[in-house]
Amino acid sequence: MNNNQLKPLSEEEEQLAAGYVLGDLTDAEVTRLEQLLVDNPALQQEIQAVQTSLDLLSQALPTVPAP
C-alpha cells in the first residue's frame, strides 16, 4: 500500500467515529479513539465525513414547530 491509499476502517473505528460526532462516547472510548487517531488518517477523514453528513442532514430537514 502506498502513502496515497488509506486502509479500510474496522467496524470498531467506524462506530467510534460516529459516536464521537454524536457526542455519545464514554471516557474510555474517547481515549481509545484518540489513540487510534494518532496514525490513522482514514479515521480522521471518517470523522470529518460523518460530521459533514450530520451537518447536511440538519440543514435538509424542515423546521417543525413543537406540538
C-alpha atoms as a PDB file:
ATOM      1  CA  MET A   1       0.000   0.000   0.000  1.00  0.00           C
ATOM      2  CA  ASN A   2       1.401   3.388  -0.911  1.00  0.00           C
ATOM      3  CA  ASN A   3       1.008   6.547   1.129  1.00  0.00           C
ATOM      4  CA  ASN A   4      -1.918   7.732  -1.010  1.00  0.00           C
ATOM      5  CA  GLN A   5      -4.085   4.742  -0.105  1.00  0.00           C
ATOM      6  CA  LEU A   6      -5.939   4.655   3.190  1.00  0.00           C
ATOM      7  CA  LYS A   7      -6.507   1.376   4.953  1.00  0.00           C
ATOM      8  CA  PRO A   8     -10.144   0.362   5.408  1.00  0.00           C
ATOM      9  CA  LEU A   9     -11.645   1.126   8.796  1.00  0.00           C
ATOM     10  CA  SER A  10     -12.639  -1.597  11.186  1.00  0.00           C
ATOM     11  CA  GLU A  11     -16.200  -1.779  12.488  1.00  0.00           C
ATOM     12  CA  GLU A  12     -14.906  -0.516  15.849  1.00  0.00           C
ATOM     13  CA  GLU A  13     -13.292   2.517  14.207  1.00  0.00           C
ATOM     14  CA  GLU A  14     -16.476   3.340  12.289  1.00  0.00           C
ATOM     15  CA  GLN A  15     -18.555   3.088  15.465  1.00  0.00           C
ATOM     16  CA  LEU A  16     -16.123   5.241  17.424  1.00  0.00           C
ATOM     17  CA  ALA A  17     -16.123   7.897  14.695  1.00  0.00           C
ATOM     18  CA  ALA A  18     -19.927   8.048  14.626  1.00  0.00           C
ATOM     19  CA  GLY A  19     -20.154   8.054  18.415  1.00  0.00           C
ATOM     20  CA  TYR A  20     -17.612  10.859  18.633  1.00  0.00           C
ATOM     21  CA  VAL A  21     -19.522  13.072  16.215  1.00  0.00           C
ATOM     22  CA  LEU A  22     -22.768  12.371  18.053  1.00  0.00           C
ATOM     23  CA  GLY A  23     -21.159  13.011  21.451  1.00  0.00           C
ATOM     24  CA  ASP A  24     -22.095   9.529  22.590  1.00  0.00           C
ATOM     25  CA  LEU A  25     -18.743   8.062  23.698  1.00  0.00           C
ATOM     26  CA  THR A  26     -17.656   7.096  27.181  1.00  0.00           C
ATOM     27  CA  ASP A  27     -14.378   8.482  28.530  1.00  0.00           C
ATOM     28  CA  ALA A  28     -12.725   5.133  27.774  1.00  0.00           C
ATOM     29  CA  GLU A  29     -14.000   5.208  24.192  1.00  0.00           C
ATOM     30  CA  VAL A  30     -12.730   8.766  23.695  1.00  0.00           C
ATOM     31  CA  THR A  31      -9.316   7.658  24.952  1.00  0.00           C
ATOM     32  CA  ARG A  32      -9.362   4.689  22.550  1.00  0.00           C
ATOM     33  CA  LEU A  33     -10.351   6.948  19.657  1.00  0.00           C
ATOM     34  CA  GLU A  34      -7.576   9.408  20.459  1.00  0.00           C
ATOM     35  CA  GLN A  35      -5.064   6.540  20.411  1.00  0.00           C
ATOM     36  CA  LEU A  36      -6.329   5.333  17.054  1.00  0.00           C
ATOM     37  CA  LEU A  37      -6.304   8.823  15.526  1.00  0.00           C
ATOM     38  CA  VAL A  38      -2.552   9.283  16.029  1.00  0.00           C
ATOM     39  CA  ASP A  39      -1.582   7.187  12.999  1.00  0.00           C
ATOM     40  CA  ASN A  40      -4.842   6.748  11.138  1.00  0.00           C
ATOM     41  CA  PRO A  41      -5.659   9.397   8.539  1.00  0.00           C
ATOM     42  CA  ALA A  42      -8.582   7.280   7.298  1.00  0.00           C
ATOM     43  CA  LEU A  43     -10.204   7.560  10.718  1.00  0.00           C
ATOM     44  CA  GLN A  44      -9.630  11.304  10.720  1.00  0.00           C
ATOM     45  CA  GLN A  45     -11.346  11.528   7.326  1.00  0.00           C
ATOM     46  CA  GLU A  46     -14.230   9.360   8.551  1.00  0.00           C
ATOM     47  CA  ILE A  47     -14.883  11.724  11.456  1.00  0.00           C
ATOM     48  CA  GLN A  48     -14.918  14.673   9.063  1.00  0.00           C
ATOM     49  CA  ALA A  49     -17.260  12.825   6.685  1.00  0.00           C
ATOM     50  CA  VAL A  50     -19.687  11.859   9.446  1.00  0.00           C
ATOM     51  CA  GLN A  51     -19.689  15.429  10.771  1.00  0.00           C
ATOM     52  CA  THR A  52     -20.351  16.804   7.280  1.00  0.00           C
ATOM     53  CA  SER A  53     -23.205  14.329   6.760  1.00  0.00           C
ATOM     54  CA  LEU A  54     -24.748  15.264  10.083  1.00  0.00           C
ATOM     55  CA  ASP A  55     -24.474  18.972   9.261  1.00  0.00           C
ATOM     56  CA  LEU A  56     -26.098  18.468   5.852  1.00  0.00           C
ATOM     57  CA  LEU A  57     -28.871  16.347   7.311  1.00  0.00           C
ATOM     58  CA  SER A  58     -29.787  19.013   9.816  1.00  0.00           C
ATOM     59  CA  GLN A  59     -29.937  21.596   7.025  1.00  0.00           C
ATOM     60  CA  ALA A  60     -32.088  19.340   4.814  1.00  0.00           C
ATOM     61  CA  LEU A  61     -34.776  18.659   7.380  1.00  0.00           C
ATOM     62  CA  PRO A  62     -37.614  21.137   7.661  1.00  0.00           C
ATOM     63  CA  THR A  63     -38.121  23.011  10.900  1.00  0.00           C
ATOM     64  CA  VAL A  64     -41.269  21.797  12.590  1.00  0.00           C
ATOM     65  CA  PRO A  65     -42.864  23.675  15.475  1.00  0.00           C
ATOM     66  CA  ALA A  66     -43.124  21.766  18.723  1.00  0.00           C
ATOM     67  CA  PRO A  67     -46.578  20.426  19.473  1.00  0.00           C
END
